[in-house]
Amino acid sequence: MASSNLEIVERGFEAFNDSGIEGILPFIHPDFEATTPPELASEPDTYRGHEGIRRWFSSFDEVMDGIRWDARGFREVGDRVVVEFTLRARGKTTGLDFGQDAVMVWELQDGQAIRLSLYPDARSGTLGARAGIVEHDGGRLPAAARTAARRATTPATPTPSPRPGTRTANGTRS
């Protein structure tokens, strides 16, 4: 029986947390691509294939120990899987625990992850998944989704009341 995309991503998270990067590689398609956006990475970059994902995590390994993904929820949005998570690690030199909240949107092909888009929050991640991003710019939303997100999160500007004794747009006095 074929597993759902959600089940595959859940198992990939478990494998990563149990065995690190080598644990997740069987879940990664050879043509995999992930782009880290500037909002979530000190050195934004695009990583391709198994070697790319190894390169991505080697930058973590230089400064952190105990790297894990703590998922707060997995949900399907169309054929994509949206995961709100916290990246957890411990600084190698300081010993301090570190956590960064983010959202992953996984796209799968033939039972393996073909693309990973990262977002700073659940709203932009869900909008990105719904927008059906195929080509993306560092995990950023396409223009239409950015506009929709801005409209949904920007409070309406109240219309100022006219000063007493002035004419309104319909010609009446206030």
N, C-alpha and C. Protein backbone atom coordinates (compact mmCIF):
# COMPACT_ATOMS: atom_id res chain seq x y z
N MET A 1 0.84 -1.18 0.00
CA MET A 1 0.00 0.00 0.00
C MET A 1 0.89 1.25 0.00
N ALA A 2 0.59 2.19 -0.88
CA ALA A 2 1.37 3.42 -0.97
C ALA A 2 1.08 4.31 0.23
N SER A 3 2.10 4.97 0.72
CA SER A 3 1.95 5.90 1.83
C SER A 3 1.52 7.25 1.31
N SER A 4 0.79 7.99 2.13
CA SER A 4 0.43 9.35 1.75
C SER A 4 1.66 10.24 1.89
N ASN A 5 1.61 11.37 1.21
CA ASN A 5 2.71 12.34 1.33
C ASN A 5 2.93 12.74 2.78
N LEU A 6 1.83 12.91 3.52
CA LEU A 6 1.94 13.30 4.92
C LEU A 6 2.68 12.23 5.73
N GLU A 7 2.35 10.98 5.52
CA GLU A 7 3.03 9.89 6.23
C GLU A 7 4.51 9.83 5.88
N ILE A 8 4.83 10.07 4.63
CA ILE A 8 6.24 10.04 4.20
C ILE A 8 7.02 11.15 4.90
N VAL A 9 6.44 12.35 4.94
CA VAL A 9 7.13 13.47 5.59
C VAL A 9 7.26 13.20 7.09
N GLU A 10 6.23 12.67 7.73
CA GLU A 10 6.33 12.33 9.15
C GLU A 10 7.47 11.33 9.40
N ARG A 11 7.56 10.31 8.55
CA ARG A 11 8.64 9.32 8.71
C ARG A 11 10.00 9.95 8.44
N GLY A 12 10.07 10.89 7.50
CA GLY A 12 11.32 11.59 7.24
C GLY A 12 11.78 12.40 8.45
N PHE A 13 10.84 13.06 9.11
CA PHE A 13 11.17 13.81 10.34
C PHE A 13 11.73 12.86 11.40
N GLU A 14 11.05 11.73 11.59
CA GLU A 14 11.52 10.76 12.58
C GLU A 14 12.92 10.28 12.24
N ALA A 15 13.15 9.98 10.97
CA ALA A 15 14.47 9.48 10.54
C ALA A 15 15.54 10.54 10.75
N PHE A 16 15.22 11.80 10.45
CA PHE A 16 16.20 12.87 10.67
C PHE A 16 16.53 13.00 12.16
N ASN A 17 15.50 13.00 12.99
CA ASN A 17 15.73 13.15 14.44
C ASN A 17 16.45 11.96 15.04
N ASP A 18 16.27 10.77 14.47
CA ASP A 18 16.95 9.57 14.97
C ASP A 18 18.38 9.45 14.46
N SER A 19 18.61 9.81 13.18
CA SER A 19 19.90 9.50 12.55
C SER A 19 20.55 10.67 11.82
N GLY A 20 20.01 11.87 11.95
CA GLY A 20 20.62 13.02 11.30
C GLY A 20 20.42 13.00 9.80
N ILE A 21 21.30 13.67 9.12
CA ILE A 21 21.17 13.84 7.68
C ILE A 21 21.16 12.51 6.93
N GLU A 22 21.95 11.57 7.36
CA GLU A 22 21.97 10.27 6.69
C GLU A 22 20.63 9.55 6.84
N GLY A 23 19.91 9.83 7.92
CA GLY A 23 18.60 9.22 8.13
C GLY A 23 17.54 9.73 7.18
N ILE A 24 17.66 10.98 6.77
CA ILE A 24 16.62 11.54 5.91
C ILE A 24 16.92 11.33 4.42
N LEU A 25 18.15 11.04 4.07
CA LEU A 25 18.50 10.92 2.65
C LEU A 25 17.64 9.93 1.87
N PRO A 26 17.23 8.79 2.42
CA PRO A 26 16.36 7.89 1.65
C PRO A 26 15.01 8.52 1.28
N PHE A 27 14.64 9.61 1.95
CA PHE A 27 13.37 10.29 1.68
C PHE A 27 13.55 11.43 0.68
N ILE A 28 14.78 11.67 0.26
CA ILE A 28 15.11 12.81 -0.60
C ILE A 28 15.34 12.32 -2.04
N HIS A 29 14.61 12.90 -2.98
CA HIS A 29 14.74 12.59 -4.41
C HIS A 29 16.10 13.08 -4.91
N PRO A 30 16.72 12.38 -5.86
CA PRO A 30 18.01 12.85 -6.38
C PRO A 30 17.95 14.26 -6.96
N ASP A 31 16.79 14.70 -7.45
CA ASP A 31 16.65 16.05 -8.02
C ASP A 31 16.11 17.06 -7.01
N PHE A 32 16.21 16.75 -5.73
CA PHE A 32 15.74 17.60 -4.64
C PHE A 32 16.33 19.00 -4.73
N GLU A 33 15.52 19.98 -4.32
CA GLU A 33 16.00 21.37 -4.24
C GLU A 33 15.38 22.05 -3.03
N ALA A 34 16.21 22.74 -2.26
CA ALA A 34 15.75 23.56 -1.14
C ALA A 34 16.48 24.89 -1.21
N THR A 35 15.75 25.95 -0.96
CA THR A 35 16.34 27.28 -0.92
C THR A 35 16.07 27.87 0.45
N THR A 36 17.12 28.33 1.10
CA THR A 36 16.95 28.97 2.41
C THR A 36 16.80 30.47 2.18
N PRO A 37 15.67 31.05 2.63
CA PRO A 37 15.43 32.47 2.41
C PRO A 37 16.21 33.32 3.41
N PRO A 38 16.47 34.57 3.07
CA PRO A 38 17.24 35.45 3.96
C PRO A 38 16.59 35.67 5.32
N GLU A 39 15.25 35.53 5.40
CA GLU A 39 14.58 35.71 6.69
C GLU A 39 14.93 34.61 7.68
N LEU A 40 15.43 33.47 7.18
CA LEU A 40 15.68 32.32 8.04
C LEU A 40 17.11 31.83 8.02
N ALA A 41 17.98 32.48 7.27
CA ALA A 41 19.35 31.98 7.17
C ALA A 41 20.33 33.14 7.11
N SER A 42 21.43 32.98 7.82
CA SER A 42 22.46 34.02 7.76
C SER A 42 23.18 34.00 6.42
N GLU A 43 23.17 32.85 5.76
CA GLU A 43 23.76 32.72 4.42
C GLU A 43 22.78 32.02 3.50
N PRO A 44 21.81 32.75 2.95
CA PRO A 44 20.81 32.14 2.08
C PRO A 44 21.47 31.44 0.89
N ASP A 45 20.92 30.31 0.49
CA ASP A 45 21.51 29.55 -0.59
C ASP A 45 20.49 28.56 -1.13
N THR A 46 20.81 27.93 -2.26
CA THR A 46 20.00 26.86 -2.83
C THR A 46 20.82 25.59 -2.78
N TYR A 47 20.18 24.51 -2.36
CA TYR A 47 20.84 23.22 -2.19
C TYR A 47 20.14 22.20 -3.05
N ARG A 48 20.93 21.45 -3.85
CA ARG A 48 20.35 20.49 -4.80
C ARG A 48 20.90 19.08 -4.56
N GLY A 49 19.99 18.13 -4.59
CA GLY A 49 20.36 16.72 -4.49
C GLY A 49 20.90 16.34 -3.13
N HIS A 50 21.37 15.10 -3.04
CA HIS A 50 21.90 14.59 -1.77
C HIS A 50 23.14 15.35 -1.33
N GLU A 51 24.02 15.68 -2.27
CA GLU A 51 25.22 16.43 -1.89
C GLU A 51 24.88 17.83 -1.42
N GLY A 52 23.88 18.43 -2.03
CA GLY A 52 23.44 19.75 -1.59
C GLY A 52 22.89 19.74 -0.18
N ILE A 53 22.10 18.74 0.14
CA ILE A 53 21.55 18.68 1.50
C ILE A 53 22.66 18.38 2.51
N ARG A 54 23.64 17.58 2.11
CA ARG A 54 24.80 17.36 3.01
C ARG A 54 25.56 18.67 3.24
N ARG A 55 25.74 19.45 2.17
CA ARG A 55 26.43 20.74 2.29
C ARG A 55 25.65 21.69 3.20
N TRP A 56 24.32 21.71 3.05
CA TRP A 56 23.47 22.56 3.88
C TRP A 56 23.68 22.22 5.35
N PHE A 57 23.63 20.95 5.68
CA PHE A 57 23.75 20.58 7.09
C PHE A 57 25.18 20.61 7.61
N SER A 58 26.16 20.58 6.73
CA SER A 58 27.54 20.72 7.22
C SER A 58 27.75 22.10 7.82
N SER A 59 27.02 23.11 7.32
CA SER A 59 27.14 24.46 7.90
C SER A 59 26.58 24.48 9.32
N PHE A 60 25.56 23.68 9.60
CA PHE A 60 25.03 23.56 10.96
C PHE A 60 26.02 22.81 11.84
N ASP A 61 26.55 21.71 11.31
CA ASP A 61 27.42 20.85 12.10
C ASP A 61 28.68 21.56 12.59
N GLU A 62 29.10 22.59 11.87
CA GLU A 62 30.29 23.33 12.29
C GLU A 62 30.09 24.07 13.61
N VAL A 63 28.85 24.49 13.88
CA VAL A 63 28.61 25.33 15.06
C VAL A 63 27.58 24.77 16.05
N MET A 64 26.87 23.69 15.68
CA MET A 64 25.80 23.17 16.52
C MET A 64 25.90 21.67 16.72
N ASP A 65 25.40 21.22 17.85
CA ASP A 65 25.24 19.80 18.16
C ASP A 65 23.76 19.52 18.43
N GLY A 66 23.41 18.25 18.35
CA GLY A 66 22.05 17.85 18.73
C GLY A 66 20.97 18.47 17.89
N ILE A 67 21.20 18.61 16.59
CA ILE A 67 20.23 19.26 15.71
C ILE A 67 19.02 18.34 15.52
N ARG A 68 17.83 18.93 15.70
CA ARG A 68 16.61 18.16 15.49
C ARG A 68 15.48 19.09 15.05
N TRP A 69 14.48 18.49 14.42
CA TRP A 69 13.28 19.21 14.02
C TRP A 69 12.14 18.77 14.92
N ASP A 70 11.59 19.68 15.70
CA ASP A 70 10.44 19.37 16.55
C ASP A 70 9.19 19.89 15.86
N ALA A 71 8.44 18.98 15.26
CA ALA A 71 7.22 19.35 14.54
C ALA A 71 6.10 19.66 15.51
N ARG A 72 5.36 20.73 15.20
CA ARG A 72 4.17 21.08 15.99
C ARG A 72 2.91 20.64 15.26
N GLY A 73 3.07 20.19 14.03
CA GLY A 73 1.91 19.72 13.28
C GLY A 73 2.25 19.49 11.82
N PHE A 74 1.60 18.49 11.24
CA PHE A 74 1.73 18.16 9.83
C PHE A 74 0.34 18.29 9.22
N ARG A 75 0.23 18.95 8.08
CA ARG A 75 -1.06 18.99 7.41
C ARG A 75 -0.85 19.05 5.90
N GLU A 76 -1.78 18.43 5.20
CA GLU A 76 -1.73 18.44 3.75
C GLU A 76 -2.47 19.65 3.23
N VAL A 77 -1.87 20.30 2.26
CA VAL A 77 -2.51 21.40 1.54
C VAL A 77 -2.35 21.02 0.07
N GLY A 78 -3.42 20.50 -0.50
CA GLY A 78 -3.32 19.93 -1.84
C GLY A 78 -2.40 18.71 -1.78
N ASP A 79 -1.42 18.67 -2.67
CA ASP A 79 -0.48 17.55 -2.66
C ASP A 79 0.80 17.88 -1.89
N ARG A 80 0.82 19.01 -1.22
CA ARG A 80 2.00 19.41 -0.44
C ARG A 80 1.76 19.13 1.03
N VAL A 81 2.85 19.08 1.79
CA VAL A 81 2.75 18.87 3.23
C VAL A 81 3.37 20.08 3.92
N VAL A 82 2.58 20.73 4.77
CA VAL A 82 3.02 21.91 5.51
C VAL A 82 3.35 21.46 6.94
N VAL A 83 4.55 21.82 7.39
CA VAL A 83 4.99 21.43 8.73
C VAL A 83 5.46 22.66 9.50
N GLU A 84 4.74 22.98 10.57
CA GLU A 84 5.23 24.00 11.49
C GLU A 84 6.19 23.28 12.43
N PHE A 85 7.37 23.85 12.61
CA PHE A 85 8.39 23.16 13.41
C PHE A 85 9.31 24.15 14.10
N THR A 86 10.09 23.62 15.03
CA THR A 86 11.16 24.38 15.65
C THR A 86 12.46 23.63 15.39
N LEU A 87 13.42 24.32 14.80
CA LEU A 87 14.77 23.77 14.67
C LEU A 87 15.43 23.93 16.03
N ARG A 88 15.86 22.84 16.61
CA ARG A 88 16.51 22.87 17.92
C ARG A 88 17.94 22.38 17.78
N ALA A 89 18.83 23.00 18.55
CA ALA A 89 20.24 22.61 18.56
C ALA A 89 20.91 23.20 19.81
N ARG A 90 22.14 22.82 20.00
CA ARG A 90 22.95 23.35 21.11
C ARG A 90 24.24 23.89 20.49
N GLY A 91 24.60 25.11 20.87
CA GLY A 91 25.84 25.72 20.38
C GLY A 91 27.05 24.92 20.83
N LYS A 92 27.97 24.64 19.90
CA LYS A 92 29.16 23.85 20.24
C LYS A 92 30.07 24.57 21.23
N THR A 93 30.28 25.85 21.04
CA THR A 93 31.20 26.56 21.93
C THR A 93 30.53 27.09 23.18
N THR A 94 29.25 27.48 23.07
CA THR A 94 28.57 28.07 24.23
C THR A 94 27.82 27.05 25.08
N GLY A 95 27.39 25.96 24.44
CA GLY A 95 26.57 24.99 25.15
C GLY A 95 25.13 25.46 25.35
N LEU A 96 24.79 26.61 24.79
CA LEU A 96 23.44 27.15 24.94
C LEU A 96 22.48 26.48 23.96
N ASP A 97 21.26 26.21 24.43
CA ASP A 97 20.23 25.66 23.58
C ASP A 97 19.69 26.76 22.67
N PHE A 98 19.32 26.36 21.46
CA PHE A 98 18.86 27.29 20.44
C PHE A 98 17.57 26.74 19.84
N GLY A 99 16.65 27.62 19.50
CA GLY A 99 15.44 27.21 18.80
C GLY A 99 15.01 28.28 17.82
N GLN A 100 14.62 27.85 16.62
CA GLN A 100 14.11 28.78 15.61
C GLN A 100 12.84 28.19 15.02
N ASP A 101 11.74 28.92 15.15
CA ASP A 101 10.46 28.50 14.58
C ASP A 101 10.44 28.83 13.10
N ALA A 102 9.86 27.94 12.31
CA ALA A 102 9.71 28.15 10.87
C ALA A 102 8.66 27.18 10.35
N VAL A 103 8.42 27.26 9.06
CA VAL A 103 7.46 26.38 8.40
C VAL A 103 8.11 25.81 7.15
N MET A 104 7.96 24.50 6.98
CA MET A 104 8.44 23.82 5.78
C MET A 104 7.23 23.45 4.92
N VAL A 105 7.39 23.61 3.61
CA VAL A 105 6.41 23.10 2.67
C VAL A 105 7.14 22.09 1.81
N TRP A 106 6.74 20.82 1.94
CA TRP A 106 7.37 19.71 1.23
C TRP A 106 6.54 19.36 -0.01
N GLU A 107 7.24 19.19 -1.13
CA GLU A 107 6.62 18.67 -2.35
C GLU A 107 7.28 17.33 -2.63
N LEU A 108 6.46 16.32 -2.94
CA LEU A 108 6.98 14.98 -3.17
C LEU A 108 6.73 14.52 -4.60
N GLN A 109 7.61 13.65 -5.04
CA GLN A 109 7.48 13.03 -6.36
C GLN A 109 7.96 11.59 -6.21
N ASP A 110 7.16 10.65 -6.64
CA ASP A 110 7.51 9.23 -6.55
C ASP A 110 7.88 8.82 -5.13
N GLY A 111 7.18 9.37 -4.14
CA GLY A 111 7.39 8.99 -2.75
C GLY A 111 8.61 9.59 -2.08
N GLN A 112 9.24 10.58 -2.74
CA GLN A 112 10.41 11.25 -2.15
C GLN A 112 10.25 12.76 -2.27
N ALA A 113 10.92 13.47 -1.37
CA ALA A 113 10.87 14.94 -1.40
C ALA A 113 11.65 15.46 -2.60
N ILE A 114 10.97 16.25 -3.42
CA ILE A 114 11.61 16.85 -4.59
C ILE A 114 11.93 18.33 -4.34
N ARG A 115 11.14 18.97 -3.45
CA ARG A 115 11.37 20.39 -3.18
C ARG A 115 10.96 20.69 -1.75
N LEU A 116 11.73 21.58 -1.14
CA LEU A 116 11.42 22.08 0.19
C LEU A 116 11.48 23.59 0.15
N SER A 117 10.38 24.22 0.56
CA SER A 117 10.34 25.68 0.68
C SER A 117 10.19 26.02 2.15
N LEU A 118 10.95 26.99 2.59
CA LEU A 118 10.94 27.41 4.00
C LEU A 118 10.30 28.79 4.12
N TYR A 119 9.51 28.96 5.18
CA TYR A 119 8.81 30.21 5.43
C TYR A 119 8.94 30.59 6.89
N PRO A 120 8.85 31.88 7.20
CA PRO A 120 8.99 32.31 8.60
C PRO A 120 7.76 32.07 9.46
N ASP A 121 6.58 31.85 8.84
CA ASP A 121 5.37 31.67 9.65
C ASP A 121 4.36 30.80 8.93
N ALA A 122 3.36 30.33 9.68
CA ALA A 122 2.36 29.40 9.16
C ALA A 122 1.53 30.02 8.04
N ARG A 123 1.16 31.27 8.19
CA ARG A 123 0.32 31.91 7.18
C ARG A 123 1.02 31.94 5.82
N SER A 124 2.27 32.40 5.78
CA SER A 124 2.96 32.48 4.49
C SER A 124 3.25 31.08 3.95
N GLY A 125 3.52 30.12 4.83
CA GLY A 125 3.74 28.74 4.39
C GLY A 125 2.50 28.14 3.76
N THR A 126 1.35 28.36 4.39
CA THR A 126 0.09 27.82 3.86
C THR A 126 -0.26 28.50 2.55
N LEU A 127 -0.09 29.82 2.48
CA LEU A 127 -0.35 30.53 1.23
C LEU A 127 0.58 30.05 0.13
N GLY A 128 1.84 29.81 0.48
CA GLY A 128 2.79 29.29 -0.51
C GLY A 128 2.37 27.94 -1.02
N ALA A 129 1.94 27.07 -0.12
CA ALA A 129 1.49 25.73 -0.53
C ALA A 129 0.25 25.82 -1.41
N ARG A 130 -0.69 26.69 -1.05
CA ARG A 130 -1.91 26.83 -1.84
C ARG A 130 -1.65 27.45 -3.19
N ALA A 131 -0.65 28.33 -3.26
CA ALA A 131 -0.34 29.01 -4.52
C ALA A 131 0.26 28.06 -5.53
N GLY A 132 0.67 26.88 -5.08
CA GLY A 132 1.21 25.90 -6.02
C GLY A 132 2.56 26.32 -6.56
N ILE A 133 3.42 26.78 -5.68
CA ILE A 133 4.73 27.24 -6.12
C ILE A 133 5.49 26.10 -6.77
N VAL A 134 5.92 26.31 -7.98
CA VAL A 134 6.80 25.36 -8.65
C VAL A 134 8.18 26.00 -8.72
N GLU A 135 8.26 27.16 -9.27
CA GLU A 135 9.51 27.92 -9.27
C GLU A 135 9.34 28.98 -8.20
N HIS A 136 10.32 29.13 -7.35
CA HIS A 136 10.20 30.09 -6.27
C HIS A 136 11.49 30.86 -6.11
N ASP A 137 11.40 31.94 -5.37
CA ASP A 137 12.55 32.78 -5.12
C ASP A 137 12.85 32.72 -3.64
N GLY A 138 13.71 31.79 -3.26
CA GLY A 138 14.14 31.70 -1.87
C GLY A 138 13.00 31.43 -0.91
N GLY A 139 12.00 30.65 -1.33
CA GLY A 139 10.91 30.34 -0.43
C GLY A 139 9.92 31.49 -0.29
N ARG A 140 10.12 32.57 -1.04
CA ARG A 140 9.20 33.70 -0.96
C ARG A 140 7.95 33.38 -1.75
N LEU A 141 6.89 34.04 -1.40
CA LEU A 141 5.63 33.83 -2.07
C LEU A 141 5.61 34.52 -3.42
N PRO A 142 4.83 33.96 -4.37
CA PRO A 142 4.63 34.68 -5.63
C PRO A 142 3.87 35.98 -5.35
N ALA A 143 3.95 36.92 -6.28
CA ALA A 143 3.38 38.25 -6.07
C ALA A 143 1.92 38.20 -5.67
N ALA A 144 1.11 37.37 -6.32
CA ALA A 144 -0.32 37.32 -6.00
C ALA A 144 -0.54 36.85 -4.56
N ALA A 145 0.24 35.88 -4.13
CA ALA A 145 0.09 35.38 -2.75
C ALA A 145 0.59 36.41 -1.75
N ARG A 146 1.68 37.14 -2.09
CA ARG A 146 2.17 38.19 -1.20
C ARG A 146 1.09 39.25 -1.02
N THR A 147 0.45 39.63 -2.15
CA THR A 147 -0.60 40.65 -2.09
C THR A 147 -1.76 40.17 -1.22
N ALA A 148 -2.17 38.91 -1.42
CA ALA A 148 -3.27 38.35 -0.61
C ALA A 148 -2.89 38.32 0.86
N ALA A 149 -1.66 37.94 1.15
CA ALA A 149 -1.21 37.88 2.55
C ALA A 149 -1.19 39.27 3.17
N ARG A 150 -0.72 40.26 2.41
CA ARG A 150 -0.70 41.63 2.91
C ARG A 150 -2.12 42.11 3.20
N ARG A 151 -3.04 41.84 2.28
CA ARG A 151 -4.43 42.29 2.48
C ARG A 151 -5.05 41.63 3.69
N ALA A 152 -4.72 40.34 3.88
CA ALA A 152 -5.33 39.60 4.99
C ALA A 152 -4.77 40.02 6.34
N THR A 153 -3.55 40.56 6.36
CA THR A 153 -2.94 40.89 7.64
C THR A 153 -2.86 42.38 7.92
N THR A 154 -3.23 43.22 6.95
CA THR A 154 -3.18 44.67 7.14
C THR A 154 -4.55 45.15 7.59
N PRO A 155 -4.62 45.80 8.75
CA PRO A 155 -5.92 46.29 9.20
C PRO A 155 -6.43 47.39 8.27
N ALA A 156 -7.73 47.44 8.13
CA ALA A 156 -8.34 48.48 7.29
C ALA A 156 -8.03 49.84 7.90
N THR A 157 -7.76 50.81 7.04
CA THR A 157 -7.51 52.16 7.51
C THR A 157 -8.85 52.84 7.73
N PRO A 158 -9.10 53.31 8.94
CA PRO A 158 -10.39 53.96 9.18
C PRO A 158 -10.49 55.26 8.40
N THR A 159 -11.69 55.55 7.92
CA THR A 159 -11.92 56.80 7.21
C THR A 159 -12.14 57.88 8.25
N PRO A 160 -11.35 58.95 8.19
CA PRO A 160 -11.52 60.00 9.20
C PRO A 160 -12.88 60.66 9.08
N SER A 161 -13.43 61.01 10.21
CA SER A 161 -14.70 61.74 10.22
C SER A 161 -14.44 63.16 9.75
N PRO A 162 -15.38 63.71 8.97
CA PRO A 162 -15.18 65.09 8.53
C PRO A 162 -15.31 66.05 9.71
N ARG A 163 -14.62 67.19 9.58
CA ARG A 163 -14.74 68.21 10.62
C ARG A 163 -16.16 68.77 10.60
N PRO A 164 -16.67 69.14 11.75
CA PRO A 164 -18.02 69.72 11.78
C PRO A 164 -18.10 70.93 10.85
N GLY A 165 -19.21 71.02 10.11
CA GLY A 165 -19.45 72.17 9.24
C GLY A 165 -18.83 72.05 7.86
N THR A 166 -18.13 70.93 7.54
CA THR A 166 -17.54 70.78 6.21
C THR A 166 -18.46 69.92 5.35
N ARG A 167 -18.28 70.05 4.03
CA ARG A 167 -19.09 69.25 3.10
C ARG A 167 -18.43 67.88 2.93
N THR A 168 -19.26 66.87 2.88
CA THR A 168 -18.76 65.53 2.62
C THR A 168 -18.79 65.27 1.14
N ALA A 169 -18.35 64.10 0.71
CA ALA A 169 -18.25 63.75 -0.71
C ALA A 169 -19.60 63.80 -1.39
N ASN A 170 -20.69 63.53 -0.67
CA ASN A 170 -22.01 63.56 -1.30
C ASN A 170 -22.68 64.95 -1.21
N GLY A 171 -21.94 65.93 -0.72
CA GLY A 171 -22.42 67.31 -0.70
C GLY A 171 -23.17 67.71 0.56
N THR A 172 -23.32 66.82 1.51
CA THR A 172 -24.02 67.18 2.73
C THR A 172 -23.06 67.80 3.72
N ARG A 173 -23.61 68.58 4.65
CA ARG A 173 -22.77 69.16 5.71
C ARG A 173 -22.78 68.23 6.90
N SER A 174 -21.65 68.18 7.57
CA SER A 174 -21.61 67.37 8.79
C SER A 174 -21.83 68.23 9.99
